[in-house]
């Protein structure tokens, strides 16, 4: 079942697709990318290749990753890289795109049934692109502008979580998420046909537009976050103000404190505790993210070090500055003064004496 056409009254006027001298020479995958990129209108695109071995092991490669960082490819760079992607396709790799923009969210609703694609539209949401990722299973991408405020990251994540709980995959979290690349095969074994071939991910709809309904919901989330922040500020106990220091030093100071009191079995829990303490001490979301990404690998050994630390750090920071962090700060508020002393024992004690 193919979803019905979507009203395209909300087309925007962002960057046009890259100029191509001869589209007749393009591969079907490159042609699909151009149509998709014109609709989604992202600044850059991360490309992930996943090879699933016969024993079920997943081998993941991010093509643009350098020194642990991934910024993605521009549309022009994507077209230049298309022969490389086609080689990966011949090797049996699964290809995924992740749209990335500095001033826009690209919200993925994953694992959407045909009925929910229709329901999504009837409820007022207008995807820029709809991809049939496997037979009768869809992925929808909604584009909205970022607001440019301190809650941008949380707004995108909460909007993604809300929409996926209603229409798609309730386990999906995070606004920045990969999806199947149109024109490339879905090589999951459960989709293998009797003749040994696999179905392609098909671009079923693509129109450049921003979703007004999603924008309204994003504003509601922003207002809720602002209200929560104001309430936290109002309820915060009066403490000596201590300017946060180096985030990496703060991370290790808290780690040594936790290690002196607890037997560490779950390092992810330790990172969450450290992130919460750093938030309480005045570190910004970016500082907590950077400290987690840079320092978390150092407290682990062996194979535990091999993971996507950027994604892990973002997830940890989202906990500390999200609802879970709000709840736990209220629960452990009696420890705030002790947490500040851990980072700045001399300055906090001097400031406390000055108030006497």
Protein backbone atom coordinates (compact mmCIF):
# COMPACT_ATOMS: atom_id res chain seq x y z
CA UNK A 1 0.00 0.00 0.00
CA UNK A 2 1.41 3.37 -1.07
CA UNK A 3 0.38 6.41 1.04
CA UNK A 4 -1.75 9.03 -0.73
CA UNK A 5 -0.25 12.23 -2.07
CA UNK A 6 0.40 14.91 0.54
CA UNK A 7 -0.75 18.52 0.21
CA UNK A 8 2.37 20.50 -0.70
CA UNK A 9 1.05 23.97 0.18
CA UNK A 10 3.89 24.55 2.67
CA UNK A 11 6.91 24.36 0.39
CA UNK A 12 9.84 26.41 1.60
CA UNK A 13 12.55 28.23 -0.31
CA UNK A 14 15.83 26.95 1.07
CA UNK A 15 18.95 25.89 -0.80
CA UNK A 16 18.32 24.42 -4.28
CA UNK A 17 19.74 20.98 -5.16
CA UNK A 18 23.25 20.85 -6.65
CA UNK A 19 23.52 21.64 -10.32
CA UNK A 20 24.16 18.54 -12.46
CA UNK A 21 25.46 18.80 -15.98
CA UNK A 22 23.79 15.64 -17.24
CA UNK A 23 21.19 13.89 -15.12
CA UNK A 24 20.86 11.20 -17.78
CA UNK A 25 24.26 9.88 -16.66
CA UNK A 26 23.20 9.49 -13.02
CA UNK A 27 22.58 6.10 -11.44
CA UNK A 28 19.08 5.38 -10.09
CA UNK A 29 20.47 5.76 -6.56
CA UNK A 30 21.94 9.19 -7.36
CA UNK A 31 18.68 10.29 -8.98
CA UNK A 32 16.76 9.13 -5.90
CA UNK A 33 19.19 11.01 -3.65
CA UNK A 34 18.70 14.26 -5.59
CA UNK A 35 14.92 14.02 -5.29
CA UNK A 36 15.18 13.11 -1.61
CA UNK A 37 17.73 15.84 -0.81
CA UNK A 38 15.67 18.53 -2.56
CA UNK A 39 12.71 17.60 -0.33
CA UNK A 40 14.46 17.09 3.02
CA UNK A 41 16.68 20.13 2.37
CA UNK A 42 19.45 19.31 4.85
CA UNK A 43 22.84 21.03 4.93
CA UNK A 44 24.75 17.75 5.06
CA UNK A 45 24.16 14.00 5.05
CA UNK A 46 25.92 11.40 7.16
CA UNK A 47 26.32 8.05 5.40
CA UNK A 48 26.43 4.84 7.42
CA UNK A 49 27.20 1.44 5.87
CA UNK A 50 26.28 -1.68 7.85
CA UNK A 51 27.35 -5.17 6.83
CA UNK A 52 25.47 -8.04 8.47
CA UNK A 53 27.57 -11.21 8.45
CA UNK A 54 26.19 -14.73 8.15
CA UNK A 55 26.41 -15.17 11.93
CA UNK A 56 24.41 -11.98 12.54
CA UNK A 57 27.34 -9.71 13.47
CA UNK A 58 26.96 -6.05 12.45
CA UNK A 59 29.96 -4.20 11.06
CA UNK A 60 29.33 -0.44 11.01
CA UNK A 61 31.23 2.19 9.03
CA UNK A 62 30.50 5.95 8.97
CA UNK A 63 32.00 7.20 5.73
CA UNK A 64 32.78 10.80 6.69
CA UNK A 65 34.06 10.07 10.20
CA UNK A 66 37.46 11.60 10.96
CA UNK A 67 39.15 11.73 14.37
CA UNK A 68 35.98 10.47 15.98
CA UNK A 69 33.81 13.24 14.47
CA UNK A 70 31.16 13.09 11.75
CA UNK A 71 29.94 16.25 10.04
CA UNK A 72 28.35 14.63 7.00
CA UNK A 73 28.68 15.33 3.27
CA UNK A 74 27.19 18.24 1.33
CA UNK A 75 24.81 17.26 -1.51
CA UNK A 76 27.61 17.90 -4.00
CA UNK A 77 29.97 15.65 -2.05
CA UNK A 78 27.28 12.99 -1.85
CA UNK A 79 26.98 12.84 -5.62
CA UNK A 80 30.76 12.59 -5.95
CA UNK A 81 30.71 9.71 -3.43
CA UNK A 82 27.89 7.80 -5.11
CA UNK A 83 30.23 5.41 -7.02
CA UNK A 84 31.74 4.46 -3.64
CA UNK A 85 28.28 3.77 -2.24
CA UNK A 86 27.42 1.60 -5.23
CA UNK A 87 30.56 -0.46 -4.58
CA UNK A 88 29.43 -0.95 -0.99
CA UNK A 89 26.02 -2.01 -2.30
CA UNK A 90 27.65 -4.68 -4.47
CA UNK A 91 29.52 -5.92 -1.38
CA UNK A 92 26.20 -6.48 0.38
CA UNK A 93 26.25 -3.41 2.63
CA UNK A 94 23.10 -1.70 3.96
CA UNK A 95 23.25 2.06 3.30
CA UNK A 96 21.68 4.67 5.58
CA UNK A 97 21.40 8.48 5.40
CA UNK A 98 21.19 10.87 8.35
CA UNK A 99 20.18 14.44 7.38
CA UNK A 100 22.03 17.13 9.38
CA UNK A 101 21.35 20.89 9.49
CA UNK A 102 22.47 23.76 11.69
CA UNK A 103 19.13 25.60 11.63
CA UNK A 104 16.58 22.82 11.01
CA UNK A 105 15.42 19.61 12.67
CA UNK A 106 14.85 16.56 10.48
CA UNK A 107 12.58 14.33 12.56
CA UNK A 108 12.43 10.64 11.63
CA UNK A 109 9.31 8.61 12.34
CA UNK A 110 10.42 5.01 11.92
CA UNK A 111 8.63 1.71 11.33
CA UNK A 112 5.35 3.32 10.24
CA UNK A 113 2.51 1.12 8.98
CA UNK A 114 0.55 2.16 5.87
CA UNK A 115 -2.43 2.93 8.10
CA UNK A 116 -0.32 5.19 10.34
CA UNK A 117 1.12 7.05 7.34
CA UNK A 118 -2.46 7.97 6.44
CA UNK A 119 -3.32 8.77 10.08
CA UNK A 120 -0.22 10.95 10.39
CA UNK A 121 -1.40 13.06 7.47
CA UNK A 122 -5.00 13.21 8.63
CA UNK A 123 -3.74 14.51 11.99
CA UNK A 124 -2.13 17.42 10.17
CA UNK A 125 1.52 16.35 9.90
CA UNK A 126 3.16 16.77 6.51
CA UNK A 127 6.35 14.78 5.88
CA UNK A 128 8.88 16.13 3.41
CA UNK A 129 9.78 12.56 2.43
CA UNK A 130 8.19 9.13 2.81
CA UNK A 131 10.42 6.11 2.22
CA UNK A 132 9.14 2.55 1.89
CA UNK A 133 12.05 0.99 3.77
CA UNK A 134 10.73 -2.56 3.35
CA UNK A 135 7.50 -3.91 1.82
CA UNK A 136 4.55 -2.10 3.46
CA UNK A 137 6.76 -0.46 6.08
CA UNK A 138 7.57 3.25 5.93
CA UNK A 139 9.88 5.93 7.30
CA UNK A 140 8.67 9.56 7.36
CA UNK A 141 10.95 12.61 7.66
CA UNK A 142 9.51 15.91 8.94
CA UNK A 143 11.46 19.16 8.60
CA UNK A 144 10.99 22.12 10.95
CA UNK A 145 13.21 25.11 11.83
CA UNK A 146 15.25 25.16 15.03
CA UNK A 147 14.34 28.00 17.40
CA UNK A 148 17.94 28.88 18.27
CA UNK A 149 17.41 28.68 22.02
CA UNK A 150 19.00 26.69 24.81
CA UNK A 151 16.40 23.92 24.55
CA UNK A 152 16.79 23.18 20.83
CA UNK A 153 18.34 19.77 21.32
CA UNK A 154 15.73 18.69 23.89
CA UNK A 155 12.89 19.98 21.71
CA UNK A 156 14.00 17.83 18.79
CA UNK A 157 14.47 14.76 20.96
CA UNK A 158 11.13 15.10 22.74
CA UNK A 159 9.26 15.75 19.48
CA UNK A 160 10.85 12.66 17.93
CA UNK A 161 9.94 10.55 20.95
CA UNK A 162 6.33 11.80 20.98
CA UNK A 163 5.71 11.22 17.26
CA UNK A 164 7.28 7.76 17.27
CA UNK A 165 5.20 6.69 20.26
CA UNK A 166 2.04 7.68 18.40
CA UNK A 167 2.79 6.66 14.82
CA UNK A 168 6.00 4.64 14.62
CA UNK A 169 8.64 2.91 16.71
CA UNK A 170 8.13 3.67 20.43
CA UNK A 171 11.71 2.58 21.15
CA UNK A 172 13.25 5.22 18.89
CA UNK A 173 14.70 8.23 20.69
CA UNK A 174 16.79 11.17 19.52
CA UNK A 175 16.06 13.66 16.78
CA UNK A 176 19.20 12.80 14.78
CA UNK A 177 18.69 9.29 13.49
CA UNK A 178 19.64 7.33 10.34
CA UNK A 179 17.12 5.91 7.89
CA UNK A 180 17.27 3.71 4.81
CA UNK A 181 18.82 5.30 1.73
CA UNK A 182 16.34 5.37 -1.16
CA UNK A 183 17.39 3.21 -4.09
CA UNK A 184 19.56 0.89 -2.01
CA UNK A 185 18.64 -2.64 -0.99
CA UNK A 186 17.29 -3.59 2.42
CA UNK A 187 19.47 -6.62 2.99
CA UNK A 188 17.95 -7.91 6.21
CA UNK A 189 17.67 -11.68 5.92
CA UNK A 190 13.96 -11.64 6.74
CA UNK A 191 13.38 -9.69 3.50
CA UNK A 192 15.34 -12.09 1.25
CA UNK A 193 13.18 -13.22 -1.66
CA UNK A 194 12.99 -16.83 -2.88
CA UNK A 195 15.32 -15.96 -5.75
CA UNK A 196 17.94 -14.58 -3.33
CA UNK A 197 17.35 -10.89 -4.11
CA UNK A 198 16.35 -8.15 -1.66
CA UNK A 199 13.80 -5.32 -1.97
CA UNK A 200 14.93 -1.74 -2.46
CA UNK A 201 14.08 1.16 -0.17
CA UNK A 202 11.77 3.28 -2.35
CA UNK A 203 11.16 7.02 -2.20
CA UNK A 204 7.37 7.13 -2.27
CA UNK A 205 6.92 10.87 -1.70
CA UNK A 206 9.25 13.87 -1.72
CA UNK A 207 8.27 17.56 -1.58
CA UNK A 208 10.30 20.39 -0.04
CA UNK A 209 8.20 21.72 2.83
CA UNK A 210 8.21 22.45 6.53
CA UNK A 211 5.58 20.82 8.74
CA UNK A 212 3.47 23.48 10.48
CA UNK A 213 1.79 20.96 12.77
CA UNK A 214 5.15 19.68 14.03
CA UNK A 215 6.30 23.28 14.47
CA UNK A 216 3.32 24.00 16.71
CA UNK A 217 4.06 20.91 18.82
CA UNK A 218 7.71 21.97 19.06
CA UNK A 219 6.63 25.36 20.42
CA UNK A 220 4.50 23.62 23.05
CA UNK A 221 7.51 21.55 24.10
CA UNK A 222 9.65 24.69 24.28
CA UNK A 223 7.11 26.43 26.50
CA UNK A 224 6.97 23.39 28.79
CA UNK A 225 10.76 23.27 29.08
CA UNK A 226 10.93 26.99 29.83
CA UNK A 227 8.31 26.57 32.55
CA UNK A 228 10.22 23.65 34.08
CA UNK A 229 13.46 25.65 34.02
CA UNK A 230 11.81 28.61 35.72
CA UNK A 231 10.36 26.32 38.39
CA UNK A 232 13.75 24.71 39.02
CA UNK A 233 15.33 28.13 39.37
CA UNK A 234 12.64 29.22 41.81
CA UNK A 235 13.04 26.10 43.96
CA UNK A 236 16.84 26.02 43.88
CA UNK A 237 18.23 26.35 47.43
CA UNK A 238 20.48 29.36 48.11
CA UNK A 239 24.08 28.22 47.72
CA UNK A 240 27.40 29.90 47.31
CA UNK A 241 27.83 30.62 43.61
CA UNK A 242 30.85 28.84 42.21
CA UNK A 243 31.81 29.28 38.58
CA UNK A 244 32.27 25.86 36.99
CA UNK A 245 35.82 25.04 36.02
CA UNK A 246 37.29 22.79 33.35
CA UNK A 247 34.63 20.19 32.40
CA UNK A 248 37.12 17.35 31.93
CA UNK A 249 38.72 18.02 35.33
CA UNK A 250 35.26 18.17 36.89
CA UNK A 251 34.37 14.80 35.33
CA UNK A 252 37.40 13.05 36.84
CA UNK A 253 36.92 14.78 40.22
CA UNK A 254 33.41 13.36 40.46
CA UNK A 255 34.55 9.98 39.14
CA UNK A 256 37.19 9.66 41.87
CA UNK A 257 34.63 10.67 44.48
CA UNK A 258 32.11 8.09 43.27
CA UNK A 259 34.78 5.39 43.05
CA UNK A 260 35.82 6.07 46.66
CA UNK A 261 32.26 5.35 47.87
CA UNK A 262 30.92 2.72 45.46
CA UNK A 263 32.03 -0.48 43.76
CA UNK A 264 31.57 0.40 40.10
CA UNK A 265 29.74 -2.24 38.07
CA UNK A 266 27.75 -0.07 35.66
CA UNK A 267 29.88 2.65 34.04
CA UNK A 268 26.88 4.11 32.20
CA UNK A 269 25.23 4.75 35.56
CA UNK A 270 28.41 6.44 36.77
CA UNK A 271 28.45 8.71 33.71
CA UNK A 272 24.81 9.63 34.35
CA UNK A 273 25.65 10.49 37.98
CA UNK A 274 28.59 12.63 36.89
CA UNK A 275 26.51 14.44 34.24
CA UNK A 276 23.80 15.22 36.81
CA UNK A 277 26.36 16.57 39.29
CA UNK A 278 27.98 18.73 36.60
CA UNK A 279 24.61 20.17 35.62
CA UNK A 280 23.91 20.97 39.27
CA UNK A 281 27.28 22.75 39.49
CA UNK A 282 26.47 25.05 36.59
CA UNK A 283 28.13 23.33 33.63
CA UNK A 284 26.35 23.86 30.32
CA UNK A 285 24.81 21.01 28.28
CA UNK A 286 27.66 21.32 25.76
CA UNK A 287 30.28 21.13 28.53
CA UNK A 288 28.68 17.97 29.95
CA UNK A 289 28.47 16.44 26.46
CA UNK A 290 32.13 17.25 25.73
CA UNK A 291 33.36 15.95 29.08
CA UNK A 292 31.43 12.68 28.72
CA UNK A 293 32.63 12.12 25.17
CA UNK A 294 36.26 12.91 26.01
CA UNK A 295 36.55 11.21 29.41
CA UNK A 296 34.16 8.25 29.50
CA UNK A 297 36.42 6.01 27.36
CA UNK A 298 39.31 6.55 29.78
CA UNK A 299 37.55 4.91 32.74
CA UNK A 300 36.80 1.74 30.77
CA UNK A 301 39.04 -1.08 29.68
CA UNK A 302 39.32 -3.42 26.72
CA UNK A 303 36.39 -3.97 24.37
CA UNK A 304 34.16 -1.63 26.41
CA UNK A 305 35.97 1.30 24.78
CA UNK A 306 34.61 0.45 21.32
CA UNK A 307 31.38 2.37 20.91
CA UNK A 308 30.00 5.54 19.33
CA UNK A 309 31.03 7.98 22.07
CA UNK A 310 29.43 11.03 20.46
CA UNK A 311 26.00 9.37 20.46
CA UNK A 312 26.55 7.99 23.96
CA UNK A 313 27.59 11.41 25.30
CA UNK A 314 24.53 13.06 23.73
CA UNK A 315 22.25 10.47 25.34
CA UNK A 316 23.89 11.00 28.75
CA UNK A 317 23.60 14.79 28.46
CA UNK A 318 19.93 14.50 27.42
CA UNK A 319 19.22 12.56 30.61
CA UNK A 320 20.98 15.12 32.84
CA UNK A 321 19.17 18.12 31.31
CA UNK A 322 15.86 16.37 30.63
CA UNK A 323 12.95 15.13 32.68
CA UNK A 324 15.00 12.38 34.33
CA UNK A 325 17.59 14.91 35.44
CA UNK A 326 14.89 17.25 36.76
CA UNK A 327 13.43 14.42 38.81
CA UNK A 328 16.76 13.24 40.21
CA UNK A 329 17.95 16.75 41.07
CA UNK A 330 14.82 17.23 43.15
CA UNK A 331 15.43 13.85 44.77
CA UNK A 332 19.10 14.43 45.61
CA UNK A 333 18.99 18.17 46.27
CA UNK A 334 20.50 17.71 49.75
CA UNK A 335 23.83 16.79 48.13
CA UNK A 336 24.23 19.96 46.02
CA UNK A 337 26.68 21.64 48.39
CA UNK A 338 28.82 18.49 48.59
CA UNK A 339 28.92 18.21 44.79
CA UNK A 340 30.21 21.78 44.49
CA UNK A 341 32.91 21.14 47.08
CA UNK A 342 34.14 18.13 45.05
CA UNK A 343 34.95 20.38 42.08
CA UNK A 344 36.07 23.52 43.93
CA UNK A 345 36.77 22.75 47.58
CA UNK A 346 38.87 25.87 48.23
CA UNK A 347 36.60 28.35 46.46
CA UNK A 348 33.35 27.01 47.92
CA UNK A 349 34.67 26.96 51.47
CA UNK A 350 36.16 30.46 51.10
CA UNK A 351 32.87 31.76 49.70
CA UNK A 352 30.94 30.16 52.56
CA UNK A 353 33.23 31.80 55.17
CA UNK A 354 32.78 35.17 53.45
CA UNK A 355 29.04 34.95 53.95
CA UNK A 356 29.35 34.40 57.72
